[in-house]
Amino acid sequence: MSLPIKSGYNALVRASRSVLPKYFRKDEVDRILEICEKKGEENMALLVDFLWKTGVRVSELIRVRFSDIDPKAKTLRVVTLKKSRRKGPGRKPAYQAERVIPIPDDLLHRIAFRRIETQAKENDLIFSFSRTTAYNKVKAACALTGITDERAHPHTF
């Protein structure tokens, strides 16, 4: 069977030798969450679960407020911080776009529990720490389960 590629054999060989990025599997994330909960690290568990189930960037995560959650619609409103890179005539100025992300019930319950536990107000941040702290917490959560490879990073969830 031949592939309909006109670029030639060398292009195909280069493409097949590229390394695919490594991400966590569901069973690995479940193990991280389970161990964090057993060790009493509910904040780490919430952080990992939030990253896994929403796909937000760390810079977006640390800006999410309880008011950004709509429990009835089961959604999260996230302000995207990436700016438009369009150039040339008719270019629109950079702006902050919003996107709406569905949230599963178990994550909604975890967020609601956190709000009750911390007695947070509606406009308070869900995660009140820096970007660097988020990276360190993810690394620590992975280390609890023995994962110390390059995947111990927020962008792999």
C-alpha atoms as a PDB file:
ATOM      1  CA  MET A   1       0.000   0.000   0.000  1.00  0.00           C
ATOM      2  CA  SER A   2       1.437   3.373  -0.933  1.00  0.00           C
ATOM      3  CA  LEU A   3       0.647   6.609   0.841  1.00  0.00           C
ATOM      4  CA  PRO A   4      -0.522   9.585  -1.207  1.00  0.00           C
ATOM      5  CA  ILE A   5       2.403  11.792  -0.131  1.00  0.00           C
ATOM      6  CA  LYS A   6       4.115  13.820  -2.813  1.00  0.00           C
ATOM      7  CA  SER A   7       6.904  15.163  -0.610  1.00  0.00           C
ATOM      8  CA  GLY A   8       9.061  12.094  -1.082  1.00  0.00           C
ATOM      9  CA  TYR A   9      10.533   9.416   1.107  1.00  0.00           C
ATOM     10  CA  ASN A  10      12.797  11.748   3.111  1.00  0.00           C
ATOM     11  CA  ALA A  11       9.853  13.839   4.328  1.00  0.00           C
ATOM     12  CA  LEU A  12       8.044  10.703   5.450  1.00  0.00           C
ATOM     13  CA  VAL A  13      11.078   9.407   7.330  1.00  0.00           C
ATOM     14  CA  ARG A  14      11.581  12.754   9.108  1.00  0.00           C
ATOM     15  CA  ALA A  15       7.921  12.854  10.099  1.00  0.00           C
ATOM     16  CA  SER A  16       7.942   9.333  11.501  1.00  0.00           C
ATOM     17  CA  ARG A  17      11.083   9.931  13.586  1.00  0.00           C
ATOM     18  CA  SER A  18       9.677  12.926  15.444  1.00  0.00           C
ATOM     19  CA  VAL A  19       8.962  12.227  19.095  1.00  0.00           C
ATOM     20  CA  LEU A  20       5.372  12.523  20.212  1.00  0.00           C
ATOM     21  CA  PRO A  21       4.760  14.573  23.355  1.00  0.00           C
ATOM     22  CA  LYS A  22       4.211  12.559  26.535  1.00  0.00           C
ATOM     23  CA  TYR A  23       1.035  13.088  28.495  1.00  0.00           C
ATOM     24  CA  PHE A  24      -0.625  11.400  31.426  1.00  0.00           C
ATOM     25  CA  ARG A  25      -3.109   8.576  30.934  1.00  0.00           C
ATOM     26  CA  LYS A  26      -6.397   8.596  32.843  1.00  0.00           C
ATOM     27  CA  ASP A  27      -5.274   5.785  35.155  1.00  0.00           C
ATOM     28  CA  GLU A  28      -2.137   7.750  36.076  1.00  0.00           C
ATOM     29  CA  VAL A  29      -4.136  10.890  36.877  1.00  0.00           C
ATOM     30  CA  ASP A  30      -6.569   8.816  38.938  1.00  0.00           C
ATOM     31  CA  ARG A  31      -3.602   7.408  40.885  1.00  0.00           C
ATOM     32  CA  ILE A  32      -2.186  10.917  41.488  1.00  0.00           C
ATOM     33  CA  LEU A  33      -5.583  12.119  42.747  1.00  0.00           C
ATOM     34  CA  GLU A  34      -6.055   9.063  44.965  1.00  0.00           C
ATOM     35  CA  ILE A  35      -2.657   9.395  46.616  1.00  0.00           C
ATOM     36  CA  CYS A  36      -3.013  13.170  47.104  1.00  0.00           C
ATOM     37  CA  GLU A  37      -6.353  12.590  48.842  1.00  0.00           C
ATOM     38  CA  LYS A  38      -4.965   9.782  51.029  1.00  0.00           C
ATOM     39  CA  LYS A  39      -2.084  12.045  52.116  1.00  0.00           C
ATOM     40  CA  GLY A  40      -4.525  14.880  52.936  1.00  0.00           C
ATOM     41  CA  GLU A  41      -3.303  17.055  50.057  1.00  0.00           C
ATOM     42  CA  GLU A  42      -6.743  18.215  48.907  1.00  0.00           C
ATOM     43  CA  ASN A  43      -5.336  21.427  47.380  1.00  0.00           C
ATOM     44  CA  MET A  44      -2.953  19.424  45.189  1.00  0.00           C
ATOM     45  CA  ALA A  45      -5.761  17.073  44.207  1.00  0.00           C
ATOM     46  CA  LEU A  46      -7.986  20.000  43.221  1.00  0.00           C
ATOM     47  CA  LEU A  47      -5.160  21.573  41.214  1.00  0.00           C
ATOM     48  CA  VAL A  48      -4.416  18.365  39.291  1.00  0.00           C
ATOM     49  CA  ASP A  49      -8.112  17.599  38.751  1.00  0.00           C
ATOM     50  CA  PHE A  50      -8.780  21.152  37.559  1.00  0.00           C
ATOM     51  CA  LEU A  51      -5.916  21.061  35.058  1.00  0.00           C
ATOM     52  CA  TRP A  52      -6.898  17.577  33.840  1.00  0.00           C
ATOM     53  CA  LYS A  53     -10.616  18.238  33.362  1.00  0.00           C
ATOM     54  CA  THR A  54     -10.525  21.803  32.030  1.00  0.00           C
ATOM     55  CA  GLY A  55      -7.325  21.964  29.998  1.00  0.00           C
ATOM     56  CA  VAL A  56      -6.635  25.536  31.092  1.00  0.00           C
ATOM     57  CA  ARG A  57      -3.166  27.034  31.007  1.00  0.00           C
ATOM     58  CA  VAL A  58      -1.442  27.748  34.319  1.00  0.00           C
ATOM     59  CA  SER A  59      -1.618  31.497  33.683  1.00  0.00           C
ATOM     60  CA  GLU A  60      -5.411  31.144  33.267  1.00  0.00           C
ATOM     61  CA  LEU A  61      -5.778  28.786  36.227  1.00  0.00           C
ATOM     62  CA  ILE A  62      -4.326  31.225  38.747  1.00  0.00           C
ATOM     63  CA  ARG A  63      -6.807  33.909  37.641  1.00  0.00           C
ATOM     64  CA  VAL A  64      -9.992  31.828  37.914  1.00  0.00           C
ATOM     65  CA  ARG A  65     -12.443  33.113  40.507  1.00  0.00           C
ATOM     66  CA  PHE A  66     -15.393  31.327  42.093  1.00  0.00           C
ATOM     67  CA  SER A  67     -17.620  33.790  40.212  1.00  0.00           C
ATOM     68  CA  ASP A  68     -16.306  32.363  36.916  1.00  0.00           C
ATOM     69  CA  ILE A  69     -18.078  29.072  37.675  1.00  0.00           C
ATOM     70  CA  ASP A  70     -21.711  28.637  36.662  1.00  0.00           C
ATOM     71  CA  PRO A  71     -22.906  25.601  38.645  1.00  0.00           C
ATOM     72  CA  LYS A  72     -26.313  25.482  36.933  1.00  0.00           C
ATOM     73  CA  ALA A  73     -24.834  25.426  33.437  1.00  0.00           C
ATOM     74  CA  LYS A  74     -21.858  23.391  34.704  1.00  0.00           C
ATOM     75  CA  THR A  75     -19.415  25.699  32.951  1.00  0.00           C
ATOM     76  CA  LEU A  76     -16.294  27.709  33.624  1.00  0.00           C
ATOM     77  CA  ARG A  77     -15.600  31.088  32.015  1.00  0.00           C
ATOM     78  CA  VAL A  78     -11.908  31.576  31.313  1.00  0.00           C
ATOM     79  CA  VAL A  79     -10.282  34.762  30.091  1.00  0.00           C
ATOM     80  CA  THR A  80      -7.698  33.788  27.496  1.00  0.00           C
ATOM     81  CA  LEU A  81      -4.484  35.694  27.969  1.00  0.00           C
ATOM     82  CA  LYS A  82      -2.931  34.886  24.597  1.00  0.00           C
ATOM     83  CA  LYS A  83      -2.942  37.906  22.335  1.00  0.00           C
ATOM     84  CA  SER A  84      -3.731  38.027  18.645  1.00  0.00           C
ATOM     85  CA  ARG A  85      -0.638  37.832  16.444  1.00  0.00           C
ATOM     86  CA  ARG A  86      -2.309  38.988  13.249  1.00  0.00           C
ATOM     87  CA  LYS A  87      -0.309  41.538  11.336  1.00  0.00           C
ATOM     88  CA  GLY A  88      -0.962  43.769   8.392  1.00  0.00           C
ATOM     89  CA  PRO A  89      -3.782  45.983   7.131  1.00  0.00           C
ATOM     90  CA  GLY A  90      -7.121  45.587   8.869  1.00  0.00           C
ATOM     91  CA  ARG A  91      -5.479  44.014  11.879  1.00  0.00           C
ATOM     92  CA  LYS A  92      -7.581  44.017  14.994  1.00  0.00           C
ATOM     93  CA  PRO A  93      -5.989  45.127  18.264  1.00  0.00           C
ATOM     94  CA  ALA A  94      -5.073  42.433  20.758  1.00  0.00           C
ATOM     95  CA  TYR A  95      -7.853  41.648  23.192  1.00  0.00           C
ATOM     96  CA  GLN A  96      -8.669  39.241  25.947  1.00  0.00           C
ATOM     97  CA  ALA A  97     -11.052  36.621  24.635  1.00  0.00           C
ATOM     98  CA  GLU A  98     -13.276  34.470  26.780  1.00  0.00           C
ATOM     99  CA  ARG A  99     -14.045  30.832  26.368  1.00  0.00           C
ATOM    100  CA  VAL A 100     -16.558  28.669  28.160  1.00  0.00           C
ATOM    101  CA  ILE A 101     -15.477  25.208  29.283  1.00  0.00           C
ATOM    102  CA  PRO A 102     -17.853  22.483  30.504  1.00  0.00           C
ATOM    103  CA  ILE A 103     -17.099  21.125  33.979  1.00  0.00           C
ATOM    104  CA  PRO A 104     -18.033  17.626  35.169  1.00  0.00           C
ATOM    105  CA  ASP A 105     -20.078  17.209  38.353  1.00  0.00           C
ATOM    106  CA  ASP A 106     -17.251  15.736  40.423  1.00  0.00           C
ATOM    107  CA  LEU A 107     -15.030  18.766  39.765  1.00  0.00           C
ATOM    108  CA  LEU A 108     -17.925  21.128  40.567  1.00  0.00           C
ATOM    109  CA  HIS A 109     -18.378  19.354  43.923  1.00  0.00           C
ATOM    110  CA  ARG A 110     -14.660  19.580  44.658  1.00  0.00           C
ATOM    111  CA  ILE A 111     -14.677  23.343  43.887  1.00  0.00           C
ATOM    112  CA  ALA A 112     -17.812  23.901  45.993  1.00  0.00           C
ATOM    113  CA  PHE A 113     -16.235  22.015  48.901  1.00  0.00           C
ATOM    114  CA  ARG A 114     -13.124  24.193  48.626  1.00  0.00           C
ATOM    115  CA  ARG A 115     -15.235  27.362  48.712  1.00  0.00           C
ATOM    116  CA  ILE A 116     -17.101  26.180  51.810  1.00  0.00           C
ATOM    117  CA  GLU A 117     -13.907  24.967  53.487  1.00  0.00           C
ATOM    118  CA  THR A 118     -12.063  28.263  52.929  1.00  0.00           C
ATOM    119  CA  GLN A 119     -15.165  30.425  53.485  1.00  0.00           C
ATOM    120  CA  ALA A 120     -14.326  32.174  50.227  1.00  0.00           C
ATOM    121  CA  LYS A 121     -16.401  34.954  48.772  1.00  0.00           C
ATOM    122  CA  GLU A 122     -17.775  34.774  45.243  1.00  0.00           C
ATOM    123  CA  ASN A 123     -15.080  37.061  43.803  1.00  0.00           C
ATOM    124  CA  ASP A 124     -12.151  35.275  45.505  1.00  0.00           C
ATOM    125  CA  LEU A 125      -9.582  33.338  43.502  1.00  0.00           C
ATOM    126  CA  ILE A 126      -9.928  29.552  43.564  1.00  0.00           C
ATOM    127  CA  PHE A 127      -6.148  29.160  43.550  1.00  0.00           C
ATOM    128  CA  SER A 128      -4.432  31.961  45.438  1.00  0.00           C
ATOM    129  CA  PHE A 129      -0.844  31.247  44.518  1.00  0.00           C
ATOM    130  CA  SER A 130       1.670  32.121  41.829  1.00  0.00           C
ATOM    131  CA  ARG A 131       2.458  30.400  38.574  1.00  0.00           C
ATOM    132  CA  THR A 132       5.710  29.037  40.031  1.00  0.00           C
ATOM    133  CA  THR A 133       3.886  27.619  43.045  1.00  0.00           C
ATOM    134  CA  ALA A 134       1.440  25.877  40.676  1.00  0.00           C
ATOM    135  CA  TYR A 135       4.365  24.234  38.873  1.00  0.00           C
ATOM    136  CA  ASN A 136       5.908  23.158  42.191  1.00  0.00           C
ATOM    137  CA  LYS A 137       2.611  21.756  43.487  1.00  0.00           C
ATOM    138  CA  VAL A 138       2.108  19.673  40.335  1.00  0.00           C
ATOM    139  CA  LYS A 139       5.657  18.389  40.580  1.00  0.00           C
ATOM    140  CA  ALA A 140       5.115  17.492  44.248  1.00  0.00           C
ATOM    141  CA  ALA A 141       1.807  15.739  43.472  1.00  0.00           C
ATOM    142  CA  CYS A 142       3.526  13.656  40.806  1.00  0.00           C
ATOM    143  CA  ALA A 143       6.414  12.877  43.157  1.00  0.00           C
ATOM    144  CA  LEU A 144       3.946  11.464  45.715  1.00  0.00           C
ATOM    145  CA  THR A 145       3.099   8.777  43.154  1.00  0.00           C
ATOM    146  CA  GLY A 146       6.697   8.212  42.090  1.00  0.00           C
ATOM    147  CA  ILE A 147       6.415  10.081  38.791  1.00  0.00           C
ATOM    148  CA  THR A 148       9.573  12.153  38.418  1.00  0.00           C
ATOM    149  CA  ASP A 149      10.026  12.251  34.644  1.00  0.00           C
ATOM    150  CA  GLU A 150       9.483  15.219  32.315  1.00  0.00           C
ATOM    151  CA  ARG A 151       5.710  14.755  32.553  1.00  0.00           C
ATOM    152  CA  ALA A 152       5.668  16.167  36.104  1.00  0.00           C
ATOM    153  CA  HIS A 153       4.543  19.506  34.669  1.00  0.00           C
ATOM    154  CA  PRO A 154       1.157  21.306  34.474  1.00  0.00           C
ATOM    155  CA  HIS A 155       1.083  21.315  30.679  1.00  0.00           C
ATOM    156  CA  THR A 156       0.974  17.528  30.471  1.00  0.00           C
ATOM    157  CA  PHE A 157      -2.521  17.251  31.987  1.00  0.00           C
END
